[in-house]
Amino acid sequence: MNRREFINSFFRYILLIVISLFSGYLLFKTKSEESCKLNFFCKSCQLNKKCNLEQAKKYRNDKKE
């Protein structure tokens, strides 16, 4: 293997790694729209304090009163 082949294969593998990482990011990123995983049982949800859904906000406000 000469220098030119080494450099070409090096950049080819780097490009393959970058494309794989980017596609993995796109595949596993969280979606911007939240959805309830517990069918809107806010009382038993552990994510209640951080949840931005309207039902959770209403539950927190009702709980304060």
N, C-alpha and C. Protein backbone atom coordinates (compact mmCIF):
# COMPACT_ATOMS: atom_id res chain seq x y z
N MET A 1 0.86 -1.17 0.00
CA MET A 1 0.00 0.00 0.00
C MET A 1 0.90 1.23 0.00
N ASN A 2 0.67 2.07 -0.97
CA ASN A 2 1.47 3.30 -1.02
C ASN A 2 0.76 4.43 -0.30
N ARG A 3 1.40 5.55 -0.28
CA ARG A 3 0.89 6.70 0.48
C ARG A 3 -0.47 7.18 -0.05
N ARG A 4 -0.62 7.22 -1.34
CA ARG A 4 -1.87 7.70 -1.94
C ARG A 4 -3.05 6.79 -1.58
N GLU A 5 -2.85 5.48 -1.66
CA GLU A 5 -3.91 4.55 -1.28
C GLU A 5 -4.26 4.67 0.20
N PHE A 6 -3.23 4.86 1.02
CA PHE A 6 -3.46 5.01 2.45
C PHE A 6 -4.30 6.25 2.75
N ILE A 7 -3.97 7.37 2.16
CA ILE A 7 -4.71 8.61 2.39
C ILE A 7 -6.14 8.48 1.87
N ASN A 8 -6.31 7.90 0.69
CA ASN A 8 -7.66 7.71 0.14
C ASN A 8 -8.50 6.81 1.03
N SER A 9 -7.95 5.69 1.49
CA SER A 9 -8.72 4.80 2.34
C SER A 9 -8.99 5.44 3.70
N PHE A 10 -8.06 6.22 4.23
CA PHE A 10 -8.25 6.91 5.50
C PHE A 10 -9.44 7.86 5.41
N PHE A 11 -9.48 8.70 4.39
CA PHE A 11 -10.58 9.64 4.24
C PHE A 11 -11.89 8.93 3.92
N ARG A 12 -11.83 7.84 3.22
CA ARG A 12 -13.03 7.07 2.92
C ARG A 12 -13.64 6.52 4.21
N TYR A 13 -12.79 5.99 5.09
CA TYR A 13 -13.30 5.46 6.35
C TYR A 13 -13.79 6.57 7.29
N ILE A 14 -13.11 7.69 7.28
CA ILE A 14 -13.58 8.83 8.07
C ILE A 14 -14.95 9.28 7.58
N LEU A 15 -15.14 9.37 6.29
CA LEU A 15 -16.43 9.75 5.71
C LEU A 15 -17.51 8.73 6.08
N LEU A 16 -17.17 7.46 6.05
CA LEU A 16 -18.11 6.41 6.42
C LEU A 16 -18.52 6.55 7.89
N ILE A 17 -17.58 6.84 8.76
CA ILE A 17 -17.88 7.02 10.18
C ILE A 17 -18.77 8.24 10.39
N VAL A 18 -18.47 9.35 9.71
CA VAL A 18 -19.28 10.56 9.85
C VAL A 18 -20.71 10.32 9.37
N ILE A 19 -20.86 9.67 8.25
CA ILE A 19 -22.20 9.38 7.73
C ILE A 19 -22.95 8.45 8.69
N SER A 20 -22.27 7.46 9.25
CA SER A 20 -22.91 6.53 10.20
C SER A 20 -23.35 7.26 11.46
N LEU A 21 -22.50 8.12 11.99
CA LEU A 21 -22.86 8.86 13.19
C LEU A 21 -24.03 9.81 12.94
N PHE A 22 -24.02 10.48 11.81
CA PHE A 22 -25.10 11.41 11.48
C PHE A 22 -26.42 10.67 11.29
N SER A 23 -26.39 9.54 10.61
CA SER A 23 -27.63 8.79 10.42
C SER A 23 -28.12 8.22 11.75
N GLY A 24 -27.22 7.80 12.63
CA GLY A 24 -27.61 7.35 13.95
C GLY A 24 -28.24 8.47 14.76
N TYR A 25 -27.69 9.66 14.65
CA TYR A 25 -28.26 10.82 15.33
C TYR A 25 -29.68 11.09 14.83
N LEU A 26 -29.86 11.07 13.53
CA LEU A 26 -31.19 11.32 12.97
C LEU A 26 -32.18 10.24 13.35
N LEU A 27 -31.70 9.03 13.48
CA LEU A 27 -32.58 7.91 13.80
C LEU A 27 -33.01 7.92 15.26
N PHE A 28 -32.10 8.29 16.16
CA PHE A 28 -32.38 8.16 17.58
C PHE A 28 -32.65 9.48 18.30
N LYS A 29 -32.70 10.58 17.59
CA LYS A 29 -32.96 11.85 18.28
C LYS A 29 -34.40 11.87 18.79
N THR A 30 -34.60 12.62 19.85
CA THR A 30 -35.94 12.72 20.41
C THR A 30 -36.78 13.64 19.55
N LYS A 31 -38.01 13.36 19.48
CA LYS A 31 -38.91 14.15 18.67
C LYS A 31 -39.29 15.42 19.42
N SER A 32 -39.53 16.49 18.70
CA SER A 32 -39.85 17.75 19.34
C SER A 32 -41.25 17.73 19.97
N GLU A 33 -42.14 16.97 19.40
CA GLU A 33 -43.48 16.86 19.97
C GLU A 33 -43.45 15.82 21.09
N GLU A 34 -43.93 16.23 22.25
CA GLU A 34 -44.00 15.29 23.35
C GLU A 34 -45.28 14.49 23.26
N SER A 35 -45.21 13.30 23.72
CA SER A 35 -46.41 12.47 23.80
C SER A 35 -46.38 11.75 25.14
N CYS A 36 -47.53 11.51 25.66
CA CYS A 36 -47.64 10.89 26.96
C CYS A 36 -47.45 9.39 26.82
N LYS A 37 -46.62 8.83 27.69
CA LYS A 37 -46.36 7.40 27.65
C LYS A 37 -47.27 6.63 28.59
N LEU A 38 -47.97 7.33 29.46
CA LEU A 38 -48.82 6.67 30.45
C LEU A 38 -50.31 6.95 30.24
N ASN A 39 -50.69 7.33 29.05
CA ASN A 39 -52.09 7.61 28.73
C ASN A 39 -52.69 8.67 29.65
N PHE A 40 -51.93 9.71 29.92
CA PHE A 40 -52.37 10.88 30.67
C PHE A 40 -52.71 10.58 32.12
N PHE A 41 -52.02 9.64 32.75
CA PHE A 41 -52.13 9.42 34.18
C PHE A 41 -51.05 10.25 34.86
N CYS A 42 -51.28 11.54 34.98
CA CYS A 42 -50.26 12.46 35.48
C CYS A 42 -49.90 12.20 36.93
N LYS A 43 -50.84 11.67 37.67
CA LYS A 43 -50.59 11.44 39.09
C LYS A 43 -49.48 10.41 39.29
N SER A 44 -49.40 9.41 38.46
CA SER A 44 -48.41 8.35 38.63
C SER A 44 -47.19 8.52 37.74
N CYS A 45 -47.11 9.60 37.01
CA CYS A 45 -45.99 9.80 36.08
C CYS A 45 -44.80 10.39 36.82
N GLN A 46 -43.61 9.85 36.55
CA GLN A 46 -42.40 10.35 37.17
C GLN A 46 -41.86 11.59 36.46
N LEU A 47 -42.31 11.84 35.27
CA LEU A 47 -41.85 13.00 34.49
C LEU A 47 -42.79 14.19 34.64
N ASN A 48 -43.66 14.15 35.61
CA ASN A 48 -44.70 15.16 35.75
C ASN A 48 -44.12 16.56 35.91
N LYS A 49 -43.08 16.71 36.67
CA LYS A 49 -42.52 18.05 36.93
C LYS A 49 -41.90 18.68 35.69
N LYS A 50 -41.42 17.86 34.77
CA LYS A 50 -40.76 18.37 33.56
C LYS A 50 -41.65 18.36 32.33
N CYS A 51 -42.82 17.78 32.44
CA CYS A 51 -43.69 17.59 31.28
C CYS A 51 -44.26 18.92 30.80
N ASN A 52 -44.30 19.12 29.49
CA ASN A 52 -44.82 20.35 28.91
C ASN A 52 -46.19 20.17 28.25
N LEU A 53 -46.79 19.03 28.42
CA LEU A 53 -48.12 18.81 27.84
C LEU A 53 -49.16 19.59 28.62
N GLU A 54 -50.21 19.98 27.93
CA GLU A 54 -51.26 20.78 28.56
C GLU A 54 -51.93 20.03 29.71
N GLN A 55 -52.11 18.72 29.56
CA GLN A 55 -52.75 17.95 30.61
C GLN A 55 -51.91 17.96 31.88
N ALA A 56 -50.60 17.86 31.74
CA ALA A 56 -49.72 17.87 32.90
C ALA A 56 -49.69 19.24 33.56
N LYS A 57 -49.71 20.30 32.76
CA LYS A 57 -49.76 21.65 33.32
C LYS A 57 -51.05 21.86 34.10
N LYS A 58 -52.15 21.38 33.54
CA LYS A 58 -53.43 21.50 34.22
C LYS A 58 -53.42 20.70 35.53
N TYR A 59 -52.86 19.51 35.49
CA TYR A 59 -52.79 18.69 36.70
C TYR A 59 -51.95 19.38 37.79
N ARG A 60 -50.83 19.97 37.42
CA ARG A 60 -50.00 20.68 38.40
C ARG A 60 -50.73 21.88 38.98
N ASN A 61 -51.44 22.62 38.14
CA ASN A 61 -52.20 23.77 38.64
C ASN A 61 -53.34 23.33 39.55
N ASP A 62 -54.04 22.27 39.19
CA ASP A 62 -55.13 21.76 40.03
C ASP A 62 -54.59 21.23 41.35
N LYS A 63 -53.42 20.66 41.32
CA LYS A 63 -52.81 20.09 42.52
C LYS A 63 -52.42 21.19 43.51
N LYS A 64 -51.99 22.35 42.98
CA LYS A 64 -51.60 23.48 43.85
C LYS A 64 -52.79 24.07 44.59
N GLU A 65 -53.93 24.05 43.95
CA GLU A 65 -55.14 24.70 44.53
C GLU A 65 -55.78 23.88 45.59
